[in-house]
Amino acid sequence: MESPEQRKVLILMGSNIEPRFNIVRAAAILVELFPRARFSRVFETEPVGARKAPWFLNAAAAIATDLGPRELKYDVLRPLESRLGRERSSDRNAPRTIDLDIAMYGDQVLSDSAARLEIPDPNIVTDSHIALPLADLEPDMLHPLEGRTLKEIADSLVAGPVVRPVPGMDLGGG
């Protein structure tokens, strides 16, 4: 998937406003931008925090890119979110058409508060709605800070919101 100048990047995808449409549309656009993008299964997830919010659909994408983390976040992912009608608010748990976050960027570790980038995503090790799609896509990928595979991390998470695969929902990708 990667050439020497490209890195494998794992992107988290989530939606709870028209989620079946928005997850599929976001995946299709990612394939347009990154033709060899691959996707996890889609998972239905109980909302965190805002219990009365609609349930989410979550998935993960693997892409190869030579874009840096800031470029990827602000020149590709944020415009894609806007294109799909994402409106940001101060409520982190507000419903959204699509949420696209960089979960892992190769084996890079980055903490850039000015750019609001924390790589790897610190919630990989605590939140099943993040860990399960990543482990489904790249079970043997090592977390650069934990020294455990994504599957080992996902298997270690026992409590939390309900997260279950959505039968028959395939995002495609190559």
Protein backbone atom coordinates (compact mmCIF):
# COMPACT_ATOMS: atom_id res chain seq x y z
CA MET A 1 0.00 0.00 0.00
CA GLU A 2 2.83 2.44 0.76
CA SER A 3 5.71 3.68 -1.33
CA PRO A 4 8.85 4.91 0.48
CA GLU A 5 7.56 8.50 0.64
CA GLN A 6 4.03 7.52 1.63
CA ARG A 7 2.70 6.52 5.03
CA LYS A 8 -0.19 4.27 5.94
CA VAL A 9 -2.80 6.41 7.66
CA LEU A 10 -5.83 5.12 9.53
CA ILE A 11 -8.83 7.43 9.52
CA LEU A 12 -11.84 7.10 11.79
CA MET A 13 -15.25 7.76 10.26
CA GLY A 14 -18.43 8.41 12.22
CA SER A 15 -21.93 9.70 11.52
CA ASN A 16 -25.27 9.89 13.30
CA ILE A 17 -27.15 12.20 10.92
CA GLU A 18 -28.28 10.16 7.92
CA PRO A 19 -25.41 7.82 8.78
CA ARG A 20 -25.99 5.18 6.09
CA PHE A 21 -25.81 7.84 3.38
CA ASN A 22 -22.97 9.86 4.90
CA ILE A 23 -20.61 6.96 5.76
CA VAL A 24 -21.02 5.52 2.26
CA ARG A 25 -20.57 8.93 0.62
CA ALA A 26 -17.47 9.73 2.70
CA ALA A 27 -15.97 6.34 1.77
CA ALA A 28 -16.68 6.96 -1.93
CA ILE A 29 -14.98 10.36 -1.79
CA LEU A 30 -11.97 8.88 0.05
CA VAL A 31 -11.67 6.30 -2.77
CA GLU A 32 -11.79 9.13 -5.34
CA LEU A 33 -8.95 10.89 -3.48
CA PHE A 34 -7.00 7.76 -2.48
CA PRO A 35 -7.86 5.03 -5.03
CA ARG A 36 -6.36 2.21 -2.96
CA ALA A 37 -8.29 3.09 0.20
CA ARG A 38 -9.54 0.13 2.22
CA PHE A 39 -12.29 0.05 4.83
CA SER A 40 -13.31 -1.83 7.95
CA ARG A 41 -16.75 -3.21 8.43
CA VAL A 42 -19.33 -0.66 9.55
CA PHE A 43 -20.25 -0.72 13.25
CA GLU A 44 -23.37 0.61 14.92
CA THR A 45 -22.43 2.40 18.11
CA GLU A 46 -24.37 3.67 21.07
CA PRO A 47 -23.68 7.42 21.49
CA VAL A 48 -21.14 8.45 24.14
CA GLY A 49 -22.09 11.28 26.48
CA ALA A 50 -25.30 12.46 24.82
CA ARG A 51 -27.48 9.41 25.53
CA LYS A 52 -30.53 10.80 23.73
CA ALA A 53 -28.58 11.35 20.51
CA PRO A 54 -29.10 9.02 17.57
CA TRP A 55 -26.82 5.99 17.36
CA PHE A 56 -23.67 6.29 15.26
CA LEU A 57 -22.29 4.31 12.39
CA ASN A 58 -18.51 4.05 12.68
CA ALA A 59 -15.85 2.65 10.38
CA ALA A 60 -12.15 3.01 9.69
CA ALA A 61 -10.28 3.69 6.45
CA ALA A 62 -6.68 2.91 5.55
CA ILE A 63 -5.04 5.16 2.99
CA ALA A 64 -1.50 5.77 1.78
CA THR A 65 -0.44 9.39 1.42
CA ASP A 66 2.58 11.63 1.25
CA LEU A 67 0.58 14.48 2.79
CA GLY A 68 1.66 15.50 6.28
CA PRO A 69 -0.82 15.14 9.16
CA ARG A 70 -1.75 18.84 9.19
CA GLU A 71 -2.27 18.93 5.41
CA LEU A 72 -4.35 15.78 5.52
CA LYS A 73 -6.54 17.07 8.35
CA TYR A 74 -7.07 20.64 7.14
CA ASP A 75 -6.73 20.36 3.34
CA VAL A 76 -8.54 17.04 2.82
CA LEU A 77 -10.56 15.75 5.78
CA ARG A 78 -12.08 19.02 7.04
CA PRO A 79 -13.17 20.11 3.53
CA LEU A 80 -14.67 16.65 3.00
CA GLU A 81 -16.61 17.01 6.27
CA SER A 82 -17.87 20.43 5.11
CA ARG A 83 -18.84 19.01 1.73
CA LEU A 84 -21.04 16.49 3.56
CA GLY A 85 -22.70 19.19 5.68
CA ARG A 86 -20.69 18.91 8.91
CA GLU A 87 -21.35 21.80 11.24
CA ARG A 88 -19.02 22.07 14.23
CA SER A 89 -20.20 23.22 17.63
CA SER A 90 -18.70 23.43 21.09
CA ASP A 91 -20.51 20.19 22.00
CA ARG A 92 -18.06 17.35 21.28
CA ASN A 93 -20.95 14.85 21.38
CA ALA A 94 -23.32 16.76 19.09
CA PRO A 95 -24.89 14.83 16.21
CA ARG A 96 -22.92 15.14 12.98
CA THR A 97 -23.23 14.23 9.32
CA ILE A 98 -19.64 12.97 9.28
CA ASP A 99 -16.60 13.02 11.51
CA LEU A 100 -13.22 12.16 10.00
CA ASP A 101 -10.22 11.92 12.31
CA ILE A 102 -6.67 10.72 11.85
CA ALA A 103 -6.27 7.79 14.25
CA MET A 104 -2.77 6.68 13.26
CA TYR A 105 -0.22 8.09 10.86
CA GLY A 106 2.26 5.27 10.23
CA ASP A 107 4.25 4.83 13.40
CA GLN A 108 4.44 8.58 13.98
CA VAL A 109 3.74 10.10 17.39
CA LEU A 110 2.62 13.73 17.29
CA SER A 111 1.18 16.12 19.82
CA ASP A 112 0.43 19.49 18.23
CA SER A 113 -2.03 21.46 20.35
CA ALA A 114 -2.03 24.41 17.94
CA ALA A 115 -3.21 22.15 15.10
CA ARG A 116 -5.42 20.12 17.45
CA LEU A 117 -3.64 16.95 16.37
CA GLU A 118 -2.88 14.07 18.70
CA ILE A 119 -1.45 11.05 16.88
CA PRO A 120 -2.05 8.28 17.60
CA ASP A 121 -5.54 9.17 18.77
CA PRO A 122 -5.39 8.79 22.58
CA ASN A 123 -8.89 7.25 22.63
CA ILE A 124 -7.79 4.15 20.71
CA VAL A 125 -6.86 2.51 24.01
CA THR A 126 -10.03 3.50 25.88
CA ASP A 127 -12.98 3.58 23.45
CA SER A 128 -14.35 0.47 21.78
CA HIS A 129 -16.13 2.47 19.05
CA ILE A 130 -12.65 3.60 17.95
CA ALA A 131 -10.62 0.47 18.66
CA LEU A 132 -12.95 -2.08 17.05
CA PRO A 133 -13.11 -0.58 13.52
CA LEU A 134 -9.33 -0.01 13.57
CA ALA A 135 -8.67 -3.60 14.70
CA ASP A 136 -11.13 -4.90 12.10
CA LEU A 137 -9.13 -3.14 9.38
CA GLU A 138 -5.55 -3.53 10.62
CA PRO A 139 -5.49 -6.12 13.44
CA ASP A 140 -1.71 -6.61 13.37
CA MET A 141 -0.72 -2.93 13.22
CA LEU A 142 1.30 -1.93 16.28
CA HIS A 143 0.29 1.06 18.35
CA PRO A 144 3.52 3.11 18.54
CA LEU A 145 3.09 4.05 22.20
CA GLU A 146 1.44 0.92 23.58
CA GLY A 147 3.56 -1.72 21.81
CA ARG A 148 0.39 -3.79 21.36
CA THR A 149 -1.47 -4.62 18.17
CA LEU A 150 -4.77 -2.95 17.44
CA LYS A 151 -6.46 -6.33 17.90
CA GLU A 152 -4.89 -6.74 21.35
CA ILE A 153 -6.09 -3.26 22.31
CA ALA A 154 -9.63 -3.91 21.04
CA ASP A 155 -9.76 -7.29 22.79
CA SER A 156 -8.75 -5.64 26.08
CA LEU A 157 -11.76 -3.28 26.07
CA VAL A 158 -14.63 -4.97 27.84
CA ALA A 159 -16.92 -2.22 29.10
CA GLY A 160 -18.42 0.74 27.35
CA PRO A 161 -21.14 1.57 24.85
CA VAL A 162 -22.66 -1.07 22.61
CA VAL A 163 -20.65 -1.54 19.39
CA ARG A 164 -21.84 -4.12 16.87
CA PRO A 165 -21.17 -4.82 13.18
CA VAL A 166 -23.87 -3.82 10.69
CA PRO A 167 -24.60 -6.88 8.53
CA GLY A 168 -24.45 -6.41 4.78
CA MET A 169 -22.99 -2.90 4.79
CA ASP A 170 -19.78 -2.90 2.74
CA LEU A 171 -17.88 0.30 2.01
CA GLY A 172 -15.78 -1.26 -0.75
CA GLY A 173 -12.34 0.07 -1.56
CA GLY A 174 -9.35 -1.71 -2.84
